[in-house]
Protein backbone atom coordinates (compact mmCIF):
# COMPACT_ATOMS: atom_id res chain seq x y z
CA MET A 1 -27.60 115.30 62.36
CA ASN A 2 -28.27 112.10 60.43
CA ILE A 3 -25.23 109.83 60.16
CA ILE A 4 -24.78 107.85 56.97
CA LYS A 5 -22.97 104.54 57.45
CA GLY A 6 -20.74 103.84 54.48
CA PHE A 7 -18.55 100.90 53.51
CA PRO A 8 -16.60 99.57 56.56
CA ALA A 9 -12.99 100.75 56.91
CA THR A 10 -10.15 98.40 57.75
CA SER A 11 -8.48 100.73 60.28
CA GLN A 12 -8.28 100.05 64.00
CA VAL A 13 -11.46 101.91 64.88
CA SER A 14 -11.42 100.55 68.43
CA TYR A 15 -8.22 102.52 69.20
CA GLN A 16 -9.54 105.51 71.13
CA LEU A 17 -8.45 109.14 71.12
CA ASN A 18 -7.44 109.22 74.80
CA VAL A 19 -5.76 112.41 76.01
CA THR A 20 -3.18 110.37 77.96
CA ASN A 21 -1.75 109.28 74.61
CA ILE A 22 -0.69 112.89 73.99
CA LEU A 23 1.61 112.84 77.02
CA LYS A 24 2.81 109.30 76.21
CA HIS A 25 3.77 110.64 72.81
CA GLY A 26 5.49 113.66 74.38
CA ALA A 27 7.57 111.45 76.67
CA ARG A 28 8.43 109.00 73.88
CA SER A 29 9.28 111.47 71.13
CA PHE A 30 10.40 114.59 73.03
CA GLY A 31 11.54 113.02 76.28
CA LYS A 32 14.32 115.53 76.99
CA GLN A 33 12.26 118.63 76.19
CA GLU A 34 12.07 120.95 79.18
CA ILE A 35 9.10 121.87 81.35
CA VAL A 36 9.63 124.86 83.67
CA SER A 37 7.43 125.92 86.58
CA LYS A 38 7.78 128.84 88.95
CA LYS A 39 7.26 127.73 92.55
CA HIS A 40 5.55 129.64 95.33
CA ASP A 41 8.92 130.59 96.86
CA GLY A 42 10.04 132.25 93.61
CA THR A 43 12.46 129.51 92.53
CA PHE A 44 12.05 127.54 89.31
CA PHE A 45 11.42 123.82 89.05
CA ARG A 46 12.71 122.18 85.88
CA TYR A 47 12.18 118.71 84.52
CA THR A 48 11.38 116.97 81.24
CA TYR A 49 8.43 115.40 79.45
CA ARG A 50 9.87 112.00 80.34
CA ASP A 51 10.06 112.98 84.02
CA ALA A 52 6.51 114.32 83.90
CA TYR A 53 5.18 111.10 82.39
CA GLU A 54 6.80 109.03 85.14
CA ARG A 55 5.16 111.17 87.81
CA VAL A 56 1.81 111.00 86.00
CA THR A 57 1.92 107.18 86.08
CA CYS A 58 2.60 107.39 89.82
CA LEU A 59 -0.35 109.75 90.15
CA ALA A 60 -2.60 107.31 88.30
CA ASN A 61 -1.61 104.51 90.69
CA SER A 62 -2.22 106.84 93.64
CA ILE A 63 -5.69 107.73 92.38
CA ASN A 64 -6.63 104.07 92.25
CA SER A 65 -5.30 103.58 95.81
CA LEU A 66 -7.62 106.38 97.01
CA ASP A 67 -10.61 104.37 95.81
CA ILE A 68 -11.30 106.79 92.97
CA GLY A 69 -13.01 104.94 90.16
CA ILE A 70 -14.09 105.41 86.56
CA GLY A 71 -16.54 108.28 86.23
CA ASP A 72 -15.78 109.78 89.66
CA LYS A 73 -15.44 113.54 89.59
CA ILE A 74 -12.28 115.00 91.16
CA GLY A 75 -12.16 118.73 91.89
CA VAL A 76 -8.95 120.70 91.31
CA LEU A 77 -8.11 124.03 92.98
CA SER A 78 -4.69 124.92 91.61
CA TRP A 79 -2.52 127.56 90.00
CA ASN A 80 -0.60 127.12 86.74
CA THR A 81 2.06 124.69 87.96
CA TYR A 82 3.80 121.51 86.85
CA GLN A 83 1.65 119.55 89.33
CA HIS A 84 -1.48 120.92 87.68
CA PHE A 85 -0.04 119.80 84.34
CA GLU A 86 0.41 116.30 85.77
CA ILE A 87 -3.16 116.29 87.08
CA TYR A 88 -4.37 117.23 83.57
CA PHE A 89 -3.28 113.77 82.42
CA GLY A 90 -3.23 111.65 85.56
CA ILE A 91 -6.84 111.98 86.72
CA PRO A 92 -8.63 111.63 83.35
CA GLY A 93 -6.24 108.88 82.22
CA THR A 94 -7.67 106.54 84.86
CA GLY A 95 -11.23 107.14 83.68
CA ALA A 96 -12.09 109.66 86.41
CA VAL A 97 -13.28 113.16 85.48
CA MET A 98 -11.19 116.24 86.27
CA LEU A 99 -13.46 118.99 87.64
CA LEU A 100 -11.70 122.33 87.22
CA LEU A 101 -12.73 124.75 89.97
CA ASN A 102 -12.61 128.46 89.20
CA LEU A 103 -10.92 129.88 92.29
CA ARG A 104 -12.36 133.31 91.45
CA LEU A 105 -15.94 132.16 91.99
CA ALA A 106 -17.71 133.19 95.19
CA PRO A 107 -17.81 130.39 97.82
CA LYS A 108 -21.55 129.92 97.32
CA GLU A 109 -21.11 129.35 93.59
CA LEU A 110 -18.03 127.16 94.07
CA SER A 111 -19.74 124.87 96.58
CA TYR A 112 -22.70 124.65 94.21
CA VAL A 113 -20.37 123.44 91.44
CA VAL A 114 -18.79 120.82 93.72
CA ASN A 115 -22.21 119.52 94.80
CA HIS A 116 -23.74 119.65 91.34
CA ALA A 117 -20.86 117.62 89.94
CA GLU A 118 -20.86 115.34 93.02
CA ALA A 119 -17.09 115.61 93.40
CA LYS A 120 -15.54 112.80 95.44
CA PHE A 121 -12.12 114.35 96.15
CA ILE A 122 -10.55 117.79 95.83
CA PHE A 123 -6.89 118.37 94.92
CA VAL A 124 -5.88 121.75 96.35
CA ASP A 125 -2.74 123.90 96.37
CA GLU A 126 -1.42 124.61 99.84
CA ASN A 127 -1.95 128.36 99.49
CA LEU A 128 -5.53 127.81 98.27
CA LEU A 129 -6.49 125.83 101.35
CA TYR A 130 -8.49 128.79 102.62
CA ILE A 131 -10.90 128.37 99.70
CA ALA A 132 -11.33 124.63 100.26
CA GLU A 133 -11.81 125.24 103.98
CA GLU A 134 -14.48 127.86 103.33
CA ILE A 135 -16.57 125.64 101.07
CA ALA A 136 -15.91 122.30 102.83
CA PRO A 137 -18.89 122.50 105.26
CA PHE A 138 -21.25 122.80 102.28
CA CYS A 139 -19.70 120.11 100.05
CA LYS A 140 -21.86 117.02 100.58
CA THR A 141 -20.06 114.43 98.46
CA VAL A 142 -16.36 115.14 99.07
CA LYS A 143 -14.61 112.22 100.82
CA GLY A 144 -11.11 113.69 101.13
CA TYR A 145 -8.52 116.26 100.07
CA VAL A 146 -5.12 115.92 98.38
CA ILE A 147 -2.91 118.89 99.26
CA ILE A 148 -0.29 119.98 96.73
CA THR A 149 2.63 120.99 98.93
CA ASP A 150 6.33 120.39 99.50
CA LYS A 151 5.77 120.42 103.26
CA ARG A 152 4.94 117.51 105.52
CA LEU A 153 1.26 117.27 106.38
CA SER A 154 2.20 117.56 110.05
CA ASP A 155 3.54 121.05 109.33
CA LEU A 156 0.21 122.21 107.91
CA SER A 157 -2.73 123.44 109.95
CA THR A 158 -6.11 122.75 108.37
CA PRO A 159 -9.51 121.53 109.58
CA LEU A 160 -9.98 119.56 106.36
CA GLU A 161 -10.12 115.79 106.75
CA PRO A 162 -9.05 113.34 105.65
CA VAL A 163 -6.06 114.90 103.93
CA TYR A 164 -3.28 113.40 101.82
CA SER A 165 -0.03 114.87 100.52
CA TYR A 166 0.28 114.99 96.74
CA GLU A 167 4.03 114.40 96.86
CA GLU A 168 3.77 111.61 99.42
CA ILE A 169 1.17 109.62 97.51
CA LEU A 170 3.32 109.93 94.37
CA SER A 171 6.47 108.83 96.20
CA ASN A 172 4.68 105.76 97.52
CA ALA A 173 3.44 104.69 94.09
CA THR A 174 5.13 102.71 91.33
CA PRO A 175 5.90 104.41 87.99
CA GLU A 176 4.29 101.66 85.93
CA TYR A 177 0.62 101.83 85.04
CA LYS A 178 -1.54 100.08 82.47
CA TRP A 179 -3.72 102.81 81.06
CA PRO A 180 -7.31 101.76 80.35
CA ASN A 181 -8.55 102.08 76.78
CA ILE A 182 -11.26 104.58 77.69
CA ASP A 183 -14.05 105.24 75.22
CA GLU A 184 -13.09 108.53 73.61
CA THR A 185 -16.60 109.91 74.06
CA SER A 186 -16.29 109.53 77.86
CA ALA A 187 -16.03 112.70 79.91
CA TYR A 188 -12.45 113.85 80.34
CA SER A 189 -13.01 117.05 82.28
CA ALA A 190 -15.73 119.41 83.45
CA CYS A 191 -15.74 123.20 83.41
CA TYR A 192 -18.60 125.32 84.71
CA THR A 193 -19.73 128.65 83.35
CA SER A 194 -19.07 131.62 85.61
CA GLY A 195 -22.74 131.98 86.49
CA THR A 196 -23.20 135.61 85.35
CA THR A 197 -26.78 134.80 84.28
CA GLY A 198 -27.93 132.37 86.92
CA ARG A 199 -26.23 129.40 88.50
CA PRO A 200 -23.07 127.98 86.88
CA LYS A 201 -23.77 125.37 84.22
CA GLY A 202 -21.62 122.31 83.63
CA ILE A 203 -19.88 121.48 80.36
CA TYR A 204 -18.29 118.04 80.24
CA TYR A 205 -15.56 117.69 77.60
CA SER A 206 -14.81 114.26 76.18
CA HIS A 207 -11.34 112.81 75.54
CA ARG A 208 -12.13 113.16 71.85
CA ASP A 209 -12.96 116.87 72.27
CA VAL A 210 -9.63 117.63 73.92
CA TYR A 211 -7.60 115.48 71.52
CA LEU A 212 -9.10 117.11 68.44
CA GLN A 213 -8.73 120.59 69.92
CA ALA A 214 -5.02 119.94 70.55
CA LEU A 215 -4.53 118.99 66.89
CA ILE A 216 -6.52 121.98 65.62
CA TYR A 217 -4.79 124.43 67.95
CA ALA A 218 -1.27 123.26 67.11
CA ALA A 219 -1.98 123.34 63.38
CA ASN A 220 -3.69 126.73 63.22
CA ALA A 221 -1.43 128.55 65.70
CA SER A 222 1.64 126.99 64.02
CA ILE A 223 2.99 125.65 67.33
CA SER A 224 6.06 123.46 66.83
CA ILE A 225 8.92 121.75 68.64
CA GLN A 226 10.92 124.95 68.16
CA ASP A 227 8.55 126.95 70.35
CA CYS A 228 8.55 127.85 74.02
CA VAL A 229 4.96 128.11 75.28
CA PHE A 230 4.18 130.27 78.33
CA GLN A 231 0.88 129.20 79.95
CA VAL A 232 -0.55 132.48 81.26
CA VAL A 233 -4.27 131.69 80.86
CA PRO A 234 -5.50 130.11 84.12
CA MET A 235 -5.58 126.35 83.73
CA PHE A 236 -8.92 126.21 85.54
CA HIS A 237 -10.51 128.20 82.72
CA VAL A 238 -11.54 126.17 79.64
CA LEU A 239 -8.56 123.84 80.14
CA GLY A 240 -6.16 126.76 79.83
CA TRP A 241 -7.58 127.27 76.33
CA GLY A 242 -6.13 123.87 75.43
CA THR A 243 -2.59 125.25 75.15
CA PRO A 244 -0.85 122.63 77.37
CA TYR A 245 -2.18 119.83 75.16
CA ALA A 246 -1.20 121.51 71.88
CA ALA A 247 2.30 122.20 73.24
CA THR A 248 2.74 118.60 74.42
CA LEU A 249 1.45 117.26 71.12
CA VAL A 250 4.30 118.94 69.20
CA GLY A 251 6.96 118.75 71.93
CA ALA A 252 7.27 122.47 72.61
CA LYS A 253 9.01 123.70 75.75
CA LEU A 254 6.38 124.52 78.40
CA VAL A 255 6.61 127.24 81.05
CA PHE A 256 4.16 127.66 83.94
CA PRO A 257 4.10 130.93 85.94
CA GLY A 258 2.70 129.42 89.14
CA ARG A 259 0.68 131.85 91.19
CA TYR A 260 0.51 135.35 89.72
CA ASN A 261 -1.70 138.44 89.61
CA LEU A 262 -1.59 141.95 88.18
CA ASN A 263 1.04 142.88 90.76
CA ASP A 264 3.46 140.37 89.25
CA LEU A 265 3.87 141.94 85.80
CA GLU A 266 7.59 142.44 86.32
CA ASP A 267 8.02 138.71 86.99
CA LEU A 268 5.92 137.77 83.95
CA THR A 269 8.04 140.06 81.77
CA LYS A 270 11.25 138.55 83.13
CA ILE A 271 10.02 135.03 82.40
CA LEU A 272 9.15 136.00 78.82
CA VAL A 273 12.75 137.08 78.29
CA GLN A 274 14.55 134.56 80.52
CA GLU A 275 12.90 131.48 78.99
CA ASN A 276 12.93 132.75 75.39
CA VAL A 277 9.14 132.46 75.13
CA THR A 278 7.73 132.42 71.60
CA ILE A 279 4.02 131.76 72.29
CA SER A 280 1.84 132.88 75.15
CA ASN A 281 -1.84 133.54 75.70
CA GLY A 282 -4.15 135.76 77.69
CA ALA A 283 -7.15 138.04 77.74
CA PRO A 284 -6.74 141.80 77.22
CA ALA A 285 -7.39 142.02 80.97
CA ILE A 286 -3.81 140.74 81.54
CA LEU A 287 -2.19 141.77 78.24
CA MET A 288 -3.13 145.45 78.54
CA PRO A 289 -1.60 145.86 82.04
CA LEU A 290 1.45 143.93 80.82
CA LEU A 291 1.84 146.40 77.96
CA GLU A 292 1.48 149.32 80.39
CA HIS A 293 4.22 147.84 82.57
CA ILE A 294 6.52 147.44 79.56
CA ARG A 295 5.70 150.97 78.36
CA LYS A 296 7.08 152.40 81.61
CA LEU A 297 10.37 150.44 81.53
CA ASP A 298 13.59 152.30 80.77
CA SER A 299 14.77 149.33 78.72
CA ARG A 300 11.99 147.51 76.91
CA PRO A 301 12.36 143.80 76.14
CA ASP A 302 12.69 142.51 72.60
CA LEU A 303 9.65 140.25 72.16
CA SER A 304 9.81 140.13 68.37
CA ALA A 305 9.79 136.32 68.49
CA VAL A 306 6.61 136.25 70.61
CA ARG A 307 3.04 135.83 69.45
CA PHE A 308 0.28 136.27 72.01
CA ILE A 309 -3.00 134.40 71.47
CA SER A 310 -5.58 136.88 72.75
CA GLY A 311 -9.14 135.88 73.60
CA ALA A 312 -12.07 136.44 76.00
CA SER A 313 -12.73 139.90 74.51
CA GLU A 314 -11.67 141.81 71.44
CA PRO A 315 -8.07 143.09 71.62
CA PRO A 316 -8.07 146.87 71.09
CA ILE A 317 -6.07 148.16 68.15
CA ALA A 318 -4.16 150.36 70.59
CA MET A 319 -3.00 147.25 72.47
CA MET A 320 -2.01 145.35 69.32
CA LYS A 321 -0.15 148.35 67.94
CA GLY A 322 1.45 149.01 71.31
CA PHE A 323 2.96 145.53 71.59
CA TRP A 324 4.11 145.65 67.98
CA ASP A 325 5.70 149.11 68.21
CA LEU A 326 7.28 148.73 71.68
CA THR A 327 8.37 145.08 71.68
CA GLY A 328 7.79 143.57 68.23
CA ALA A 329 5.30 141.03 69.63
CA GLU A 330 2.29 140.01 67.54
CA ILE A 331 -1.24 139.72 68.92
CA ILE A 332 -3.33 136.96 67.31
CA HIS A 333 -7.02 137.19 68.05
CA SER A 334 -8.94 134.00 68.87
CA TYR A 335 -12.54 133.24 69.76
CA GLY A 336 -14.08 130.49 71.83
CA SER A 337 -16.19 129.90 74.91
CA THR A 338 -16.64 127.43 77.73
CA GLU A 339 -19.36 125.74 75.69
CA ALA A 340 -17.37 125.71 72.44
CA HIS A 341 -13.95 124.98 73.91
CA ALA A 342 -11.18 127.46 73.27
CA ILE A 343 -10.44 127.56 69.56
CA VAL A 344 -13.37 128.34 67.27
CA THR A 345 -11.49 130.91 65.20
CA LEU A 346 -7.98 132.32 64.79
CA ASN A 347 -7.08 135.54 63.04
CA ARG A 348 -4.16 134.56 60.84
CA VAL A 349 -4.31 136.84 57.84
CA VAL A 350 -4.17 135.06 54.49
CA PRO A 351 -1.15 136.44 52.57
CA ALA A 352 -3.24 137.11 49.46
CA LEU A 353 -5.55 139.31 51.54
CA GLU A 354 -2.76 141.12 53.37
CA LYS A 355 -1.42 142.42 50.07
CA GLU A 356 -4.69 144.29 49.58
CA PHE A 357 -4.59 146.15 52.91
CA PHE A 358 -3.43 149.62 53.68
CA GLU A 359 -1.74 149.91 57.11
CA GLU A 360 -4.86 151.01 59.02
CA GLU A 361 -7.02 148.41 57.25
CA ARG A 362 -4.60 145.70 58.35
CA TRP A 363 -4.93 146.67 62.01
CA ASP A 364 -8.69 146.96 61.78
CA PHE A 365 -8.83 143.51 60.17
CA LYS A 366 -6.85 142.04 63.06
CA ARG A 367 -9.70 143.00 65.41
CA LYS A 368 -11.84 140.34 63.78
CA GLN A 369 -12.13 137.02 65.56
CA GLY A 370 -10.72 135.28 62.48
CA TYR A 371 -11.43 132.37 60.18
CA ILE A 372 -13.40 129.39 61.46
CA VAL A 373 -11.20 126.37 62.06
CA VAL A 374 -11.82 123.12 60.23
CA GLY A 375 -14.45 120.79 61.68
CA LEU A 376 -16.90 123.44 62.84
CA ASP A 377 -20.12 124.78 61.38
CA VAL A 378 -20.82 128.44 62.16
CA LYS A 379 -23.70 130.55 60.96
CA ILE A 380 -25.29 133.93 61.69
CA VAL A 381 -29.07 134.03 62.14
CA ASP A 382 -31.66 136.75 62.66
CA GLU A 383 -34.19 136.79 65.50
CA ASN A 384 -36.42 134.38 63.56
CA GLY A 385 -33.63 131.85 62.98
CA ASN A 386 -33.08 132.75 59.32
CA GLU A 387 -29.47 132.47 58.16
CA LEU A 388 -27.92 135.79 57.16
CA PRO A 389 -25.56 136.40 54.23
CA HIS A 390 -21.77 136.50 54.61
CA ASP A 391 -21.46 140.13 53.64
CA GLY A 392 -19.65 141.50 56.68
CA LYS A 393 -22.63 143.77 57.43
CA SER A 394 -25.60 141.61 58.39
CA VAL A 395 -25.58 141.22 62.17
CA GLY A 396 -27.15 138.22 63.87
CA GLU A 397 -26.59 135.67 66.59
CA VAL A 398 -23.58 133.37 66.18
CA LEU A 399 -24.55 129.67 66.16
CA LEU A 400 -21.91 126.95 66.54
CA ARG A 401 -21.86 123.23 65.81
CA GLY A 402 -19.03 120.72 65.78
CA PRO A 403 -17.26 117.81 67.49
CA TRP A 404 -16.03 119.80 70.52
CA VAL A 405 -19.06 122.10 70.87
CA SER A 406 -21.44 121.30 73.73
CA GLY A 407 -24.73 119.68 72.75
CA SER A 408 -26.25 120.29 76.19
CA TYR A 409 -25.49 121.37 79.73
CA TYR A 410 -25.12 118.71 82.39
CA ASN A 411 -28.25 118.22 84.49
CA ALA A 412 -29.62 121.71 83.82
CA PRO A 413 -33.37 121.53 83.13
CA GLY A 414 -34.62 124.53 81.22
CA SER A 415 -31.33 125.17 79.46
CA GLU A 416 -32.43 123.32 76.31
CA VAL A 417 -33.34 126.65 74.68
CA GLN A 418 -29.59 127.27 74.26
CA PHE A 419 -29.49 124.56 71.58
CA THR A 420 -31.34 124.33 68.27
CA ASP A 421 -33.15 121.28 66.95
CA ASP A 422 -30.43 120.75 64.33
CA GLY A 423 -27.64 120.71 66.93
CA TYR A 424 -26.34 124.28 67.02
CA PHE A 425 -25.31 126.02 70.23
CA ARG A 426 -26.72 129.54 70.59
CA SER A 427 -23.65 131.52 71.62
CA GLY A 428 -25.43 134.69 72.71
CA ASP A 429 -22.86 136.65 70.66
CA ALA A 430 -23.89 139.02 67.89
CA GLY A 431 -21.66 139.11 64.86
CA THR A 432 -21.07 139.10 61.13
CA ILE A 433 -19.21 136.86 58.69
CA ASP A 434 -17.54 138.52 55.71
CA SER A 435 -17.11 137.22 52.17
CA GLU A 436 -13.74 135.67 53.12
CA GLY A 437 -15.30 133.69 55.96
CA PHE A 438 -13.90 135.81 58.79
CA LEU A 439 -16.06 136.15 61.89
CA LYS A 440 -16.44 139.51 63.65
CA ILE A 441 -18.20 139.66 67.00
CA THR A 442 -19.94 143.00 67.30
CA ASP A 443 -21.15 142.47 70.87
CA ARG A 444 -22.90 140.14 73.26
CA LEU A 445 -26.58 140.20 72.33
CA LYS A 446 -27.39 141.33 75.87
CA ASP A 447 -24.77 144.11 75.62
CA LEU A 448 -25.90 145.68 72.34
CA ILE A 449 -27.39 149.09 73.06
CA LYS A 450 -30.79 149.75 71.45
CA SER A 451 -31.43 153.46 71.18
CA GLY A 452 -34.38 154.83 69.26
CA GLY A 453 -34.77 151.52 67.41
CA GLU A 454 -31.13 151.47 66.26
CA TRP A 455 -28.23 149.36 67.56
CA ILE A 456 -24.96 150.64 69.01
CA SER A 457 -22.00 148.29 69.55
CA SER A 458 -20.51 148.70 73.02
CA VAL A 459 -17.40 146.75 71.94
CA ASP A 460 -16.61 149.07 69.02
CA MET A 461 -17.08 152.13 71.22
CA GLU A 462 -14.84 150.71 73.95
CA ASN A 463 -12.08 150.03 71.46
CA SER A 464 -12.39 153.52 70.05
CA LEU A 465 -12.11 154.94 73.56
CA VAL A 466 -8.93 153.03 74.45
CA SER A 467 -7.35 154.18 71.20
CA TYR A 468 -7.32 157.68 72.74
CA PRO A 469 -3.85 158.19 74.29
CA ALA A 470 -5.21 159.40 77.62
CA ILE A 471 -7.48 156.42 78.25
CA LEU A 472 -6.16 153.22 79.83
CA GLU A 473 -9.43 151.26 80.08
CA ALA A 474 -13.07 151.78 79.13
CA ALA A 475 -16.47 150.17 79.48
CA VAL A 476 -19.65 151.09 77.64
CA VAL A 477 -23.13 149.92 78.66
CA GLY A 478 -26.68 150.76 77.73
CA CYS A 479 -28.80 152.30 80.49
CA PRO A 480 -32.59 152.75 80.49
CA HIS A 481 -33.80 156.04 79.02
CA PRO A 482 -37.37 157.41 79.22
CA LYS A 483 -37.43 158.51 75.57
CA TRP A 484 -34.87 156.44 73.63
CA GLN A 485 -35.22 153.09 75.43
CA GLU A 486 -31.46 152.96 76.12
CA ARG A 487 -28.58 155.39 75.89
CA PRO A 488 -24.84 154.66 76.13
CA LEU A 489 -22.89 155.32 79.30
CA ALA A 490 -19.09 155.32 79.08
CA LEU A 491 -16.82 154.62 82.05
CA VAL A 492 -13.17 155.48 81.48
CA VAL A 493 -9.95 154.99 83.45
CA LEU A 494 -7.36 157.66 82.59
CA ARG A 495 -3.63 157.09 82.52
CA ASP A 496 -1.90 158.65 85.52
CA GLU A 497 -0.13 161.30 83.48
CA PHE A 498 -3.42 162.52 81.92
CA LYS A 499 -5.59 162.78 85.03
CA THR A 500 -7.14 166.27 85.38
CA LYS A 501 -5.88 167.11 81.87
CA VAL A 502 -8.67 165.56 79.78
CA THR A 503 -12.26 166.72 79.45
CA LYS A 504 -15.39 164.79 78.54
CA ASP A 505 -15.89 167.01 75.50
CA GLU A 506 -12.44 166.06 74.20
CA ILE A 507 -13.32 162.38 74.53
CA LYS A 508 -16.61 162.94 72.70
CA GLU A 509 -14.76 164.73 69.91
CA HIS A 510 -12.51 161.68 69.59
CA LEU A 511 -15.52 159.32 69.42
CA ALA A 512 -17.21 161.57 66.84
CA GLU A 513 -14.51 160.59 64.33
CA LYS A 514 -16.07 157.11 64.10
CA PHE A 515 -19.56 157.43 65.55
CA ALA A 516 -22.61 159.46 64.57
CA GLU A 517 -23.72 162.18 66.96
CA TRP A 518 -26.79 160.20 68.07
CA GLN A 519 -24.54 157.24 69.01
CA LEU A 520 -22.30 159.22 71.37
CA PRO A 521 -22.71 158.48 75.09
CA ASP A 522 -24.92 160.90 77.00
CA GLU A 523 -22.65 160.52 80.01
CA ILE A 524 -18.92 159.86 80.43
CA ARG A 525 -17.76 159.02 83.93
CA PHE A 526 -14.14 158.97 85.08
CA VAL A 527 -13.57 155.98 87.38
CA LYS A 528 -10.59 154.42 89.17
CA ARG A 529 -11.19 150.91 87.85
CA ILE A 530 -13.46 148.86 85.62
CA LEU A 531 -15.25 145.95 87.26
CA LYS A 532 -14.25 142.54 85.84
CA THR A 533 -15.75 139.05 86.04
CA GLY A 534 -13.87 136.01 87.33
CA VAL A 535 -12.49 135.32 83.83
CA GLY A 536 -11.31 138.89 83.19
CA LYS A 537 -14.21 140.22 81.11
CA ILE A 538 -15.88 143.56 81.81
CA ASP A 539 -18.70 142.90 84.29
CA LYS A 540 -21.37 144.75 82.34
CA ARG A 541 -24.23 143.15 84.24
CA THR A 542 -23.06 144.68 87.53
CA ILE A 543 -22.20 148.01 85.89
CA ARG A 544 -25.71 148.24 84.39
CA MET A 545 -27.22 147.57 87.81
CA GLN A 546 -25.05 150.25 89.43
CA TYR A 547 -26.03 152.89 86.87
CA LYS A 548 -29.57 151.78 86.00
CA ASP A 549 -31.10 155.08 87.19
CA ILE A 550 -28.53 157.44 85.66
CA TYR A 551 -30.91 158.64 82.91
CA THR A 552 -34.31 157.87 84.40
CA SER A 553 -33.78 159.81 87.63
CA LYS A 554 -33.12 163.12 85.90
């Protein structure tokens, strides 16, 4: 884009948008606000923004003492903890780059990320040492490891070397630090794509990106000092969707769950109630099991003060209705990506529009990804790059441009095709924009099913399937067909109480209420689980490979 230089302003343009200033502000203005973190032993650690800032200054001094300099990349293998929160500010504040390592990646991919980024150190949680130990022999640039533990190093057994204790290096440092005035366009952090279509690719966010996202997130999600924010989204994934920064910006209470998985739904539910949470976040991959857990409780919690920001994939109407009916919680749909940061859209219904909706129309509208937040350009284009009208019907690829959208991948020759000459990122998502400016993702381009020259949305069919009371989860993919090019295959997980009681014909009858006969899946398979990627999305690539011969071998 051409930049027009106007008349010079008299403001302090050399004052940079450094992310560290967000925490400095939190400590100064909301110093006594509480931060809560569940520890590995099940107890809770509690301190304040002021306490956190003091430890972050000690961390910054410690980083300098480890001979970590400006521009050095520092890997982080950690759960959602208060130490991870400190690292969010301490490492980048010195001018180093925080490299967030997805602990769900395979060792081969993870070691590739470490080497590609040329990480100098790795900070690792004690109970994630096994991952660091597995990749260590292949990591060529790592000079040492900082272990996040309450134990003495002498009480740990690890082949990693040299090793340092996170708590010891902080206790040996002074709590005064002169923060450098880092150029706001400098890299703050790096996240790598999950590598579902080739090797992981690096996205390096600037301080400016993160600062602006915090402002946009807080404003559009209406986060305030009155809120209690529960950080459920993994902090290694797209900076935890930017939620820790938005919460700190406004002085909200912050709660970190520590290590958790789908077996810990009872604990997550207890925290929601115990800490009086008002905002949380997560993909349907965690929210749907959470709802199922709550559904089975004799006494269901009152979550009427809670709003869940739901992303990664479209929240099914059944899930949104379920939370609303059973607990009073609201699901707010959001859309983003590793390349476009977390918040591209939010579905907050404009009051003037809501008055026009019937009940079912309101729920269907909430499936949309939402309005596009200020500062971004978004357009829908056809296969020839022509922009399509905002009529809510014309489907094309979603293109994104803006201050926190990636303009390239780091050191990834051949990836230039993902970006247009005029600066747009090709998202790979197919969608529409309606007359009110609301974006609706119909599918990933690679997941649209082309049958007989016509398109079928796998996302819409999946959401229709899970609206059937007997179905807990569903996945729909297109499989090669000798006559029709592709035909849909549906995989469904039944609720325990409905197993052996539901037929495929009954499911097809349910789908026929919204889909034409030619769109219905040729095959419906009952499965025990749906394969997921490392970030909780349905792993359609693997599913397609598993069932690639289902129609051609007949």
